[in-house]
Amino acid sequence: MTDLFAAVDLGGTKIAAMLADASGQVVAQKTIPTRAHEGPAAVLDRTADLVQELAAQAGRSPVALGMGLPGLVDLPNGVVRFLPNLPTHWRDVPARAQLSARIGCPVYLLNDVRLAALGELVFGHGRSVGTMAFFAIGTGIGGGVVIDGRLRLGRLGAAGELGHQTILPDGPRCGCGSTGCLETLASGPAITAEGVRLLLSGQAPALHRLVDGRPEQVTPAKMAQAAAEGDQAVREALTRAATYLGIGIANVVTILHPELVVLGGGVAGIGSLLFDTVRAVVPARVGMFPADDVRIEPSLLGPQAGLWGGIALAQRRGEV
């Protein structure tokens, strides 16, 4: 009987967990609400309970667990230093020790987007390349960088914050404290805010019909649908955001010249308008060498990339 490996992807609203064997065959999987307002200790207890529930279903326990968290993680010590988007006090939380004691196996932690990049490297499009950049475009824009077949983490495990490169120096204020970051221009909330503005100003009749006039129903996906149905102002807004994203990707391509750029996260799901624009902008913006050979692809693993990264991290015993 082959070893079982566990993965957990901890988010602000849900905790996803999965068990898989050494061949990558999924044995059990489940998602539960995070209930982050209950605090770190309760969330970690519920995470351990979830993994143990899956182990009971499988009839055996995992030999290692890989876990992604949405913030800064002290990798050598297994301590969560800061989770900015969870509503309670996640500072200096010894998550590895708490989970390992409950689950009874080694636990390896990583930033959630870096973990998704690892998943794409090991189980997705990255299997055939040596150099890759991964962009996760959702509530924010995160990333991961692969060089010579290895995920590069930097001194603090924070390398790859691709969404916090400056695109417009005098642009919108970013949550990181800077201005004009890529995240402020091409993330889900940035795109949605522009859609709401167009809706309220009467410039988006198709979008108005799709969301029944309700601003809270506007999403990048609804905007893409409205653009396809003839909303020119919405199309221009999406093209502008995709152009900013293309500039950010071109910057990374100029620095790394990767074989592959993978776009994940919910915004990547809006489809051809995004990808067609990005694929046009990148080679036009990279002037020092031909960039036409850089593949730009949607994530093969989609929203499961983080879980597959957790399986890879567990299988590799924390080595990335």
C-alpha atoms as a PDB file:
ATOM      1  CA  MET A   1       0.000   0.000   0.000  1.00  0.00           C
ATOM      2  CA  THR A   2       1.488   3.335  -1.065  1.00  0.00           C
ATOM      3  CA  ASP A   3       1.974   6.315   1.237  1.00  0.00           C
ATOM      4  CA  LEU A   4      -0.744   8.936   1.530  1.00  0.00           C
ATOM      5  CA  PHE A   5       0.026  12.654   1.421  1.00  0.00           C
ATOM      6  CA  ALA A   6      -2.211  15.467   2.664  1.00  0.00           C
ATOM      7  CA  ALA A   7      -2.704  18.994   1.349  1.00  0.00           C
ATOM      8  CA  VAL A   8      -4.529  21.958   2.866  1.00  0.00           C
ATOM      9  CA  ASP A   9      -5.299  25.302   1.227  1.00  0.00           C
ATOM     10  CA  LEU A  10      -6.370  27.790   3.901  1.00  0.00           C
ATOM     11  CA  GLY A  11      -8.293  30.800   2.628  1.00  0.00           C
ATOM     12  CA  GLY A  12     -10.253  33.633   4.124  1.00  0.00           C
ATOM     13  CA  THR A  13     -13.608  31.927   3.552  1.00  0.00           C
ATOM     14  CA  LYS A  14     -12.856  28.219   3.152  1.00  0.00           C
ATOM     15  CA  ILE A  15     -10.434  25.455   4.073  1.00  0.00           C
ATOM     16  CA  ALA A  16      -9.855  22.885   1.331  1.00  0.00           C
ATOM     17  CA  ALA A  17      -8.109  19.585   2.058  1.00  0.00           C
ATOM     18  CA  MET A  18      -7.111  16.604  -0.046  1.00  0.00           C
ATOM     19  CA  LEU A  19      -5.409  13.238   0.347  1.00  0.00           C
ATOM     20  CA  ALA A  20      -3.515  11.687  -2.566  1.00  0.00           C
ATOM     21  CA  ASP A  21      -1.161   8.753  -2.968  1.00  0.00           C
ATOM     22  CA  ALA A  22       2.378   8.760  -4.341  1.00  0.00           C
ATOM     23  CA  SER A  23       1.113   8.481  -7.922  1.00  0.00           C
ATOM     24  CA  GLY A  24      -1.115  11.548  -7.546  1.00  0.00           C
ATOM     25  CA  GLN A  25      -4.364   9.611  -7.315  1.00  0.00           C
ATOM     26  CA  VAL A  26      -6.878  11.549  -5.199  1.00  0.00           C
ATOM     27  CA  VAL A  27      -8.168   9.427  -2.321  1.00  0.00           C
ATOM     28  CA  ALA A  28     -10.347  11.931  -0.441  1.00  0.00           C
ATOM     29  CA  GLN A  29     -11.211  15.609  -0.627  1.00  0.00           C
ATOM     30  CA  LYS A  30     -13.440  18.092   1.215  1.00  0.00           C
ATOM     31  CA  THR A  31     -13.950  21.827   1.726  1.00  0.00           C
ATOM     32  CA  ILE A  32     -15.350  23.506   4.840  1.00  0.00           C
ATOM     33  CA  PRO A  33     -15.907  27.142   5.910  1.00  0.00           C
ATOM     34  CA  THR A  34     -12.892  28.817   7.524  1.00  0.00           C
ATOM     35  CA  ARG A  35     -14.856  30.722  10.188  1.00  0.00           C
ATOM     36  CA  ALA A  36     -11.788  32.920  10.534  1.00  0.00           C
ATOM     37  CA  HIS A  37     -13.499  35.127  13.128  1.00  0.00           C
ATOM     38  CA  GLU A  38     -12.982  32.306  15.653  1.00  0.00           C
ATOM     39  CA  GLY A  39      -9.230  32.937  15.673  1.00  0.00           C
ATOM     40  CA  PRO A  40      -6.071  31.006  14.764  1.00  0.00           C
ATOM     41  CA  ALA A  41      -6.305  28.246  17.378  1.00  0.00           C
ATOM     42  CA  ALA A  42      -9.861  27.322  16.392  1.00  0.00           C
ATOM     43  CA  VAL A  43      -9.092  27.463  12.668  1.00  0.00           C
ATOM     44  CA  LEU A  44      -6.059  25.210  13.078  1.00  0.00           C
ATOM     45  CA  ASP A  45      -8.098  22.783  15.194  1.00  0.00           C
ATOM     46  CA  ARG A  46     -10.759  22.618  12.491  1.00  0.00           C
ATOM     47  CA  THR A  47      -8.032  22.084   9.886  1.00  0.00           C
ATOM     48  CA  ALA A  48      -6.639  19.152  11.869  1.00  0.00           C
ATOM     49  CA  ASP A  49     -10.156  17.742  12.309  1.00  0.00           C
ATOM     50  CA  LEU A  50     -10.701  17.970   8.553  1.00  0.00           C
ATOM     51  CA  VAL A  51      -7.487  16.111   7.721  1.00  0.00           C
ATOM     52  CA  GLN A  52      -8.300  13.447  10.301  1.00  0.00           C
ATOM     53  CA  GLU A  53     -11.798  13.070   8.828  1.00  0.00           C
ATOM     54  CA  LEU A  54     -10.310  12.436   5.384  1.00  0.00           C
ATOM     55  CA  ALA A  55      -7.794  10.005   6.871  1.00  0.00           C
ATOM     56  CA  ALA A  56     -10.657   8.088   8.484  1.00  0.00           C
ATOM     57  CA  GLN A  57     -12.391   7.903   5.098  1.00  0.00           C
ATOM     58  CA  ALA A  58      -9.199   6.588   3.517  1.00  0.00           C
ATOM     59  CA  GLY A  59      -8.571   4.125   6.327  1.00  0.00           C
ATOM     60  CA  ARG A  60      -5.020   5.337   6.924  1.00  0.00           C
ATOM     61  CA  SER A  61      -3.143   8.446   7.944  1.00  0.00           C
ATOM     62  CA  PRO A  62      -0.985  10.707   5.763  1.00  0.00           C
ATOM     63  CA  VAL A  63       2.787  10.531   6.129  1.00  0.00           C
ATOM     64  CA  ALA A  64       3.193  14.293   5.526  1.00  0.00           C
ATOM     65  CA  LEU A  65       1.086  17.432   5.056  1.00  0.00           C
ATOM     66  CA  GLY A  66       1.739  20.434   2.797  1.00  0.00           C
ATOM     67  CA  MET A  67      -0.262  23.563   3.590  1.00  0.00           C
ATOM     68  CA  GLY A  68      -0.712  26.960   1.959  1.00  0.00           C
ATOM     69  CA  LEU A  69      -1.579  30.110   3.904  1.00  0.00           C
ATOM     70  CA  PRO A  70      -2.409  33.590   2.544  1.00  0.00           C
ATOM     71  CA  GLY A  71       0.431  35.587   4.024  1.00  0.00           C
ATOM     72  CA  LEU A  72       3.997  35.607   5.298  1.00  0.00           C
ATOM     73  CA  VAL A  73       5.287  32.296   6.646  1.00  0.00           C
ATOM     74  CA  ASP A  74       8.569  31.689   8.489  1.00  0.00           C
ATOM     75  CA  LEU A  75       9.490  28.517   6.618  1.00  0.00           C
ATOM     76  CA  PRO A  76      12.381  27.185   8.752  1.00  0.00           C
ATOM     77  CA  ASN A  77      10.387  27.539  11.974  1.00  0.00           C
ATOM     78  CA  GLY A  78       6.909  26.747  10.654  1.00  0.00           C
ATOM     79  CA  VAL A  79       5.484  29.956  12.111  1.00  0.00           C
ATOM     80  CA  VAL A  80       2.816  32.106  10.474  1.00  0.00           C
ATOM     81  CA  ARG A  81       4.186  35.624  10.814  1.00  0.00           C
ATOM     82  CA  PHE A  82       1.279  37.565   9.331  1.00  0.00           C
ATOM     83  CA  LEU A  83      -1.962  36.834   7.467  1.00  0.00           C
ATOM     84  CA  PRO A  84      -3.218  40.272   6.377  1.00  0.00           C
ATOM     85  CA  ASN A  85      -6.634  39.286   5.047  1.00  0.00           C
ATOM     86  CA  LEU A  86      -7.943  37.186   7.928  1.00  0.00           C
ATOM     87  CA  PRO A  87     -10.015  39.164  10.428  1.00  0.00           C
ATOM     88  CA  THR A  88      -8.317  37.991  13.622  1.00  0.00           C
ATOM     89  CA  HIS A  89      -4.835  38.166  15.078  1.00  0.00           C
ATOM     90  CA  TRP A  90      -2.637  35.883  12.931  1.00  0.00           C
ATOM     91  CA  ARG A  91       0.806  36.999  14.043  1.00  0.00           C
ATOM     92  CA  ASP A  92       3.599  34.630  15.092  1.00  0.00           C
ATOM     93  CA  VAL A  93       1.293  31.598  15.183  1.00  0.00           C
ATOM     94  CA  PRO A  94       3.212  28.273  15.547  1.00  0.00           C
ATOM     95  CA  ALA A  95       1.001  26.530  12.996  1.00  0.00           C
ATOM     96  CA  ARG A  96       3.400  23.720  12.124  1.00  0.00           C
ATOM     97  CA  ALA A  97       3.829  22.599  15.715  1.00  0.00           C
ATOM     98  CA  GLN A  98       0.094  22.763  16.457  1.00  0.00           C
ATOM     99  CA  LEU A  99      -0.921  20.818  13.351  1.00  0.00           C
ATOM    100  CA  SER A 100       1.846  18.248  13.602  1.00  0.00           C
ATOM    101  CA  ALA A 101       0.896  17.487  17.204  1.00  0.00           C
ATOM    102  CA  ARG A 102      -2.746  16.980  16.212  1.00  0.00           C
ATOM    103  CA  ILE A 103      -2.284  15.089  12.953  1.00  0.00           C
ATOM    104  CA  GLY A 104       0.792  13.076  13.890  1.00  0.00           C
ATOM    105  CA  CYS A 105       2.913  13.690  10.802  1.00  0.00           C
ATOM    106  CA  PRO A 106       5.418  16.277   9.541  1.00  0.00           C
ATOM    107  CA  VAL A 107       3.803  19.524   8.367  1.00  0.00           C
ATOM    108  CA  TYR A 108       5.295  21.871   5.764  1.00  0.00           C
ATOM    109  CA  LEU A 109       4.000  25.415   5.266  1.00  0.00           C
ATOM    110  CA  LEU A 110       4.226  27.801   2.319  1.00  0.00           C
ATOM    111  CA  ASN A 111       2.549  30.974   1.099  1.00  0.00           C
ATOM    112  CA  ASP A 112      -0.597  29.938  -0.755  1.00  0.00           C
ATOM    113  CA  VAL A 113       0.296  31.441  -4.132  1.00  0.00           C
ATOM    114  CA  ARG A 114       3.832  30.054  -4.036  1.00  0.00           C
ATOM    115  CA  LEU A 115       2.192  26.703  -3.234  1.00  0.00           C
ATOM    116  CA  ALA A 116      -0.068  27.027  -6.294  1.00  0.00           C
ATOM    117  CA  ALA A 117       3.017  27.766  -8.391  1.00  0.00           C
ATOM    118  CA  LEU A 118       4.607  24.587  -7.036  1.00  0.00           C
ATOM    119  CA  GLY A 119       1.478  22.658  -7.956  1.00  0.00           C
ATOM    120  CA  GLU A 120       1.619  23.996 -11.501  1.00  0.00           C
ATOM    121  CA  LEU A 121       5.329  23.139 -11.675  1.00  0.00           C
ATOM    122  CA  VAL A 122       4.952  19.539 -10.524  1.00  0.00           C
ATOM    123  CA  PHE A 123       1.501  18.546 -11.792  1.00  0.00           C
ATOM    124  CA  GLY A 124       0.543  21.195 -14.370  1.00  0.00           C
ATOM    125  CA  HIS A 125       1.991  23.001 -17.375  1.00  0.00           C
ATOM    126  CA  GLY A 126       5.355  23.415 -15.630  1.00  0.00           C
ATOM    127  CA  ARG A 127       6.277  19.749 -15.808  1.00  0.00           C
ATOM    128  CA  SER A 128       8.091  20.233 -19.109  1.00  0.00           C
ATOM    129  CA  VAL A 129       9.906  23.523 -18.445  1.00  0.00           C
ATOM    130  CA  GLY A 130      12.868  24.751 -16.435  1.00  0.00           C
ATOM    131  CA  THR A 131      11.885  28.409 -16.040  1.00  0.00           C
ATOM    132  CA  MET A 132       8.357  29.606 -15.313  1.00  0.00           C
ATOM    133  CA  ALA A 133       6.496  32.584 -13.862  1.00  0.00           C
ATOM    134  CA  PHE A 134       3.124  32.059 -12.200  1.00  0.00           C
ATOM    135  CA  PHE A 135       0.585  34.857 -11.714  1.00  0.00           C
ATOM    136  CA  ALA A 136      -2.488  34.319  -9.520  1.00  0.00           C
ATOM    137  CA  ILE A 137      -5.015  37.025 -10.403  1.00  0.00           C
ATOM    138  CA  GLY A 138      -7.927  37.173  -8.012  1.00  0.00           C
ATOM    139  CA  THR A 139      -8.663  39.302  -4.949  1.00  0.00           C
ATOM    140  CA  GLY A 140      -5.046  40.403  -5.294  1.00  0.00           C
ATOM    141  CA  ILE A 141      -2.225  39.446  -7.621  1.00  0.00           C
ATOM    142  CA  GLY A 142       0.375  37.052  -6.283  1.00  0.00           C
ATOM    143  CA  GLY A 143       2.984  34.963  -7.966  1.00  0.00           C
ATOM    144  CA  GLY A 144       5.782  32.475  -7.953  1.00  0.00           C
ATOM    145  CA  VAL A 145       9.023  32.147  -9.893  1.00  0.00           C
ATOM    146  CA  VAL A 146      10.642  28.901 -11.043  1.00  0.00           C
ATOM    147  CA  ILE A 147      14.282  28.899 -12.184  1.00  0.00           C
ATOM    148  CA  ASP A 148      16.147  25.757 -13.227  1.00  0.00           C
ATOM    149  CA  GLY A 149      13.184  23.637 -12.206  1.00  0.00           C
ATOM    150  CA  ARG A 150      12.995  24.953  -8.639  1.00  0.00           C
ATOM    151  CA  LEU A 151      10.604  27.364  -6.983  1.00  0.00           C
ATOM    152  CA  ARG A 152      12.631  30.335  -5.761  1.00  0.00           C
ATOM    153  CA  LEU A 153      11.491  31.722  -2.435  1.00  0.00           C
ATOM    154  CA  GLY A 154      14.081  34.323  -1.477  1.00  0.00           C
ATOM    155  CA  ARG A 155      15.384  35.014   2.002  1.00  0.00           C
ATOM    156  CA  LEU A 156      11.978  35.402   3.683  1.00  0.00           C
ATOM    157  CA  GLY A 157       9.983  33.080   1.446  1.00  0.00           C
ATOM    158  CA  ALA A 158       8.393  36.156  -0.121  1.00  0.00           C
ATOM    159  CA  ALA A 159      10.030  36.149  -3.569  1.00  0.00           C
ATOM    160  CA  GLY A 160       7.485  36.276  -6.358  1.00  0.00           C
ATOM    161  CA  GLU A 161       5.203  39.102  -5.210  1.00  0.00           C
ATOM    162  CA  LEU A 162       4.651  39.916  -8.872  1.00  0.00           C
ATOM    163  CA  GLY A 163       1.512  41.945  -8.198  1.00  0.00           C
ATOM    164  CA  HIS A 164       3.488  44.548  -6.263  1.00  0.00           C
ATOM    165  CA  GLN A 165       5.687  45.783  -9.074  1.00  0.00           C
ATOM    166  CA  THR A 166       4.967  49.426  -9.887  1.00  0.00           C
ATOM    167  CA  ILE A 167       3.148  49.977 -13.179  1.00  0.00           C
ATOM    168  CA  LEU A 168       1.870  53.547 -12.659  1.00  0.00           C
ATOM    169  CA  PRO A 169       3.985  55.530 -10.149  1.00  0.00           C
ATOM    170  CA  ASP A 170       1.128  57.972  -9.521  1.00  0.00           C
ATOM    171  CA  GLY A 171      -1.552  55.276  -9.652  1.00  0.00           C
ATOM    172  CA  PRO A 172      -3.970  54.093  -6.959  1.00  0.00           C
ATOM    173  CA  ARG A 173      -2.798  53.461  -3.416  1.00  0.00           C
ATOM    174  CA  CYS A 174      -2.099  49.776  -2.785  1.00  0.00           C
ATOM    175  CA  GLY A 175      -2.691  47.825   0.405  1.00  0.00           C
ATOM    176  CA  CYS A 176       1.056  47.189   0.580  1.00  0.00           C
ATOM    177  CA  GLY A 177       1.619  50.929   1.100  1.00  0.00           C
ATOM    178  CA  SER A 178       2.941  51.760  -2.358  1.00  0.00           C
ATOM    179  CA  THR A 179       1.088  53.325  -5.292  1.00  0.00           C
ATOM    180  CA  GLY A 180       0.357  52.075  -8.780  1.00  0.00           C
ATOM    181  CA  CYS A 181       1.080  48.410  -8.122  1.00  0.00           C
ATOM    182  CA  LEU A 182      -0.116  45.955 -10.755  1.00  0.00           C
ATOM    183  CA  GLU A 183      -2.582  44.641  -8.169  1.00  0.00           C
ATOM    184  CA  THR A 184      -4.348  48.023  -8.023  1.00  0.00           C
ATOM    185  CA  LEU A 185      -4.891  47.984 -11.785  1.00  0.00           C
ATOM    186  CA  ALA A 186      -5.625  44.409 -12.844  1.00  0.00           C
ATOM    187  CA  SER A 187      -6.870  42.432  -9.834  1.00  0.00           C
ATOM    188  CA  GLY A 188     -10.459  41.278  -9.476  1.00  0.00           C
ATOM    189  CA  PRO A 189     -11.499  44.181  -7.211  1.00  0.00           C
ATOM    190  CA  ALA A 190      -9.795  46.748  -9.466  1.00  0.00           C
ATOM    191  CA  ILE A 191     -11.579  45.435 -12.554  1.00  0.00           C
ATOM    192  CA  THR A 192     -14.887  45.142 -10.707  1.00  0.00           C
ATOM    193  CA  ALA A 193     -14.652  48.719  -9.416  1.00  0.00           C
ATOM    194  CA  GLU A 194     -14.319  49.966 -12.978  1.00  0.00           C
ATOM    195  CA  GLY A 195     -17.300  47.854 -14.009  1.00  0.00           C
ATOM    196  CA  VAL A 196     -19.396  49.349 -11.211  1.00  0.00           C
ATOM    197  CA  ARG A 197     -18.377  52.851 -12.283  1.00  0.00           C
ATOM    198  CA  LEU A 198     -19.477  52.150 -15.852  1.00  0.00           C
ATOM    199  CA  LEU A 199     -22.726  50.593 -14.647  1.00  0.00           C
ATOM    200  CA  LEU A 200     -23.639  53.570 -12.462  1.00  0.00           C
ATOM    201  CA  SER A 201     -22.709  56.083 -15.155  1.00  0.00           C
ATOM    202  CA  GLY A 202     -25.019  54.428 -17.674  1.00  0.00           C
ATOM    203  CA  GLN A 203     -22.235  53.359 -20.043  1.00  0.00           C
ATOM    204  CA  ALA A 204     -22.840  49.604 -19.755  1.00  0.00           C
ATOM    205  CA  PRO A 205     -26.360  48.602 -20.860  1.00  0.00           C
ATOM    206  CA  ALA A 206     -25.544  44.924 -21.381  1.00  0.00           C
ATOM    207  CA  LEU A 207     -23.856  44.744 -17.991  1.00  0.00           C
ATOM    208  CA  HIS A 208     -26.864  46.506 -16.439  1.00  0.00           C
ATOM    209  CA  ARG A 209     -29.137  43.802 -17.843  1.00  0.00           C
ATOM    210  CA  LEU A 210     -26.836  40.944 -16.782  1.00  0.00           C
ATOM    211  CA  VAL A 211     -26.676  42.110 -13.162  1.00  0.00           C
ATOM    212  CA  ASP A 212     -30.227  43.495 -13.017  1.00  0.00           C
ATOM    213  CA  GLY A 213     -28.793  46.917 -12.254  1.00  0.00           C
ATOM    214  CA  ARG A 214     -27.210  45.758  -8.985  1.00  0.00           C
ATOM    215  CA  PRO A 215     -23.611  46.933  -8.503  1.00  0.00           C
ATOM    216  CA  GLU A 216     -22.884  44.185  -5.968  1.00  0.00           C
ATOM    217  CA  GLN A 217     -23.448  41.596  -8.714  1.00  0.00           C
ATOM    218  CA  VAL A 218     -20.715  42.973 -10.977  1.00  0.00           C
ATOM    219  CA  THR A 219     -17.774  40.594 -11.494  1.00  0.00           C
ATOM    220  CA  PRO A 220     -14.986  40.357 -14.087  1.00  0.00           C
ATOM    221  CA  ALA A 221     -16.795  37.362 -15.588  1.00  0.00           C
ATOM    222  CA  LYS A 222     -20.035  39.348 -15.959  1.00  0.00           C
ATOM    223  CA  MET A 223     -18.031  42.182 -17.488  1.00  0.00           C
ATOM    224  CA  ALA A 224     -16.483  39.813 -20.026  1.00  0.00           C
ATOM    225  CA  GLN A 225     -19.970  38.606 -20.933  1.00  0.00           C
ATOM    226  CA  ALA A 226     -21.184  42.196 -21.283  1.00  0.00           C
ATOM    227  CA  ALA A 227     -18.224  43.026 -23.514  1.00  0.00           C
ATOM    228  CA  ALA A 228     -19.080  40.055 -25.719  1.00  0.00           C
ATOM    229  CA  GLU A 229     -22.660  41.342 -25.928  1.00  0.00           C
ATOM    230  CA  GLY A 230     -21.625  44.766 -27.149  1.00  0.00           C
ATOM    231  CA  ASP A 231     -20.668  46.965 -24.185  1.00  0.00           C
ATOM    232  CA  GLN A 232     -17.769  48.862 -25.763  1.00  0.00           C
ATOM    233  CA  ALA A 233     -16.852  50.788 -22.600  1.00  0.00           C
ATOM    234  CA  VAL A 234     -16.664  47.534 -20.637  1.00  0.00           C
ATOM    235  CA  ARG A 235     -14.513  45.973 -23.358  1.00  0.00           C
ATOM    236  CA  GLU A 236     -12.168  48.949 -23.176  1.00  0.00           C
ATOM    237  CA  ALA A 237     -11.938  48.644 -19.383  1.00  0.00           C
ATOM    238  CA  LEU A 238     -11.070  44.947 -19.589  1.00  0.00           C
ATOM    239  CA  THR A 239      -8.558  45.595 -22.362  1.00  0.00           C
ATOM    240  CA  ARG A 240      -6.931  48.325 -20.285  1.00  0.00           C
ATOM    241  CA  ALA A 241      -6.598  46.020 -17.265  1.00  0.00           C
ATOM    242  CA  ALA A 242      -5.230  43.240 -19.486  1.00  0.00           C
ATOM    243  CA  THR A 243      -2.746  45.712 -20.970  1.00  0.00           C
ATOM    244  CA  TYR A 244      -1.483  46.599 -17.500  1.00  0.00           C
ATOM    245  CA  LEU A 245      -1.183  42.896 -16.758  1.00  0.00           C
ATOM    246  CA  GLY A 246       0.711  42.406 -20.012  1.00  0.00           C
ATOM    247  CA  ILE A 247       3.143  45.164 -19.041  1.00  0.00           C
ATOM    248  CA  GLY A 248       3.734  43.462 -15.689  1.00  0.00           C
ATOM    249  CA  ILE A 249       4.307  40.127 -17.390  1.00  0.00           C
ATOM    250  CA  ALA A 250       6.646  41.775 -19.912  1.00  0.00           C
ATOM    251  CA  ASN A 251       8.715  43.137 -17.025  1.00  0.00           C
ATOM    252  CA  VAL A 252       9.067  39.638 -15.603  1.00  0.00           C
ATOM    253  CA  VAL A 253       9.858  38.203 -19.037  1.00  0.00           C
ATOM    254  CA  THR A 254      12.586  40.819 -19.516  1.00  0.00           C
ATOM    255  CA  ILE A 255      14.173  39.811 -16.208  1.00  0.00           C
ATOM    256  CA  LEU A 256      13.786  36.015 -16.425  1.00  0.00           C
ATOM    257  CA  HIS A 257      13.006  35.119 -20.053  1.00  0.00           C
ATOM    258  CA  PRO A 258      10.928  32.163 -18.859  1.00  0.00           C
ATOM    259  CA  GLU A 259       9.786  29.433 -21.184  1.00  0.00           C
ATOM    260  CA  LEU A 260       6.295  29.653 -19.714  1.00  0.00           C
ATOM    261  CA  VAL A 261       4.019  32.151 -17.959  1.00  0.00           C
ATOM    262  CA  VAL A 262       0.975  30.624 -16.264  1.00  0.00           C
ATOM    263  CA  LEU A 263      -2.039  32.736 -15.312  1.00  0.00           C
ATOM    264  CA  GLY A 264      -4.234  31.391 -12.526  1.00  0.00           C
ATOM    265  CA  GLY A 265      -6.905  32.790 -10.239  1.00  0.00           C
ATOM    266  CA  GLY A 266     -10.478  33.780 -10.944  1.00  0.00           C
ATOM    267  CA  VAL A 267      -9.720  36.682 -13.288  1.00  0.00           C
ATOM    268  CA  ALA A 268      -7.778  34.395 -15.628  1.00  0.00           C
ATOM    269  CA  GLY A 269     -11.072  32.600 -16.203  1.00  0.00           C
ATOM    270  CA  ILE A 270     -12.556  35.493 -18.186  1.00  0.00           C
ATOM    271  CA  GLY A 271     -10.911  34.008 -21.239  1.00  0.00           C
ATOM    272  CA  SER A 272      -9.840  35.185 -24.657  1.00  0.00           C
ATOM    273  CA  LEU A 273     -10.146  38.953 -24.197  1.00  0.00           C
ATOM    274  CA  LEU A 274      -7.591  38.780 -21.397  1.00  0.00           C
ATOM    275  CA  PHE A 275      -5.250  36.284 -23.032  1.00  0.00           C
ATOM    276  CA  ASP A 276      -5.380  37.798 -26.524  1.00  0.00           C
ATOM    277  CA  THR A 277      -4.455  41.204 -25.114  1.00  0.00           C
ATOM    278  CA  VAL A 278      -1.676  39.893 -22.886  1.00  0.00           C
ATOM    279  CA  ARG A 279      -0.208  37.780 -25.685  1.00  0.00           C
ATOM    280  CA  ALA A 280      -0.082  40.868 -27.904  1.00  0.00           C
ATOM    281  CA  VAL A 281       1.341  43.216 -25.269  1.00  0.00           C
ATOM    282  CA  VAL A 282       4.175  41.025 -23.974  1.00  0.00           C
ATOM    283  CA  PRO A 283       6.233  40.630 -27.172  1.00  0.00           C
ATOM    284  CA  ALA A 284       5.581  44.275 -28.049  1.00  0.00           C
ATOM    285  CA  ARG A 285       6.966  45.402 -24.673  1.00  0.00           C
ATOM    286  CA  VAL A 286      10.026  43.134 -24.527  1.00  0.00           C
ATOM    287  CA  GLY A 287      12.618  44.860 -26.689  1.00  0.00           C
ATOM    288  CA  MET A 288      15.938  43.251 -25.807  1.00  0.00           C
ATOM    289  CA  PHE A 289      15.221  39.818 -27.282  1.00  0.00           C
ATOM    290  CA  PRO A 290      12.422  38.050 -29.168  1.00  0.00           C
ATOM    291  CA  ALA A 291       9.685  37.042 -26.719  1.00  0.00           C
ATOM    292  CA  ASP A 292       7.344  35.348 -29.167  1.00  0.00           C
ATOM    293  CA  ASP A 293       8.517  31.962 -27.892  1.00  0.00           C
ATOM    294  CA  VAL A 294       7.300  32.644 -24.336  1.00  0.00           C
ATOM    295  CA  ARG A 295       4.139  30.607 -23.820  1.00  0.00           C
ATOM    296  CA  ILE A 296       1.363  32.325 -21.861  1.00  0.00           C
ATOM    297  CA  GLU A 297      -1.200  29.784 -20.703  1.00  0.00           C
ATOM    298  CA  PRO A 298      -4.114  29.475 -18.260  1.00  0.00           C
ATOM    299  CA  SER A 299      -3.448  27.271 -15.260  1.00  0.00           C
ATOM    300  CA  LEU A 300      -3.939  23.606 -16.040  1.00  0.00           C
ATOM    301  CA  LEU A 301      -5.012  22.962 -12.434  1.00  0.00           C
ATOM    302  CA  GLY A 302      -7.337  25.936 -11.943  1.00  0.00           C
ATOM    303  CA  PRO A 303      -8.572  26.455  -8.370  1.00  0.00           C
ATOM    304  CA  GLN A 304      -7.011  23.121  -7.345  1.00  0.00           C
ATOM    305  CA  ALA A 305      -3.452  24.349  -7.982  1.00  0.00           C
ATOM    306  CA  GLY A 306      -2.867  25.092  -4.293  1.00  0.00           C
ATOM    307  CA  LEU A 307      -3.981  21.633  -3.196  1.00  0.00           C
ATOM    308  CA  TRP A 308      -1.755  19.963  -5.763  1.00  0.00           C
ATOM    309  CA  GLY A 309       1.067  22.189  -4.568  1.00  0.00           C
ATOM    310  CA  GLY A 310       0.413  20.934  -1.045  1.00  0.00           C
ATOM    311  CA  ILE A 311       0.650  17.336  -2.242  1.00  0.00           C
ATOM    312  CA  ALA A 312       3.925  18.151  -4.018  1.00  0.00           C
ATOM    313  CA  LEU A 313       5.299  19.902  -0.914  1.00  0.00           C
ATOM    314  CA  ALA A 314       4.394  16.907   1.258  1.00  0.00           C
ATOM    315  CA  GLN A 315       5.880  14.430  -1.210  1.00  0.00           C
ATOM    316  CA  ARG A 316       9.096  16.459  -1.340  1.00  0.00           C
ATOM    317  CA  ARG A 317       9.203  16.760   2.455  1.00  0.00           C
ATOM    318  CA  GLY A 318       9.258  20.536   2.262  1.00  0.00           C
ATOM    319  CA  GLU A 319      11.836  20.869  -0.513  1.00  0.00           C
ATOM    320  CA  VAL A 320      10.691  23.114  -3.358  1.00  0.00           C
END
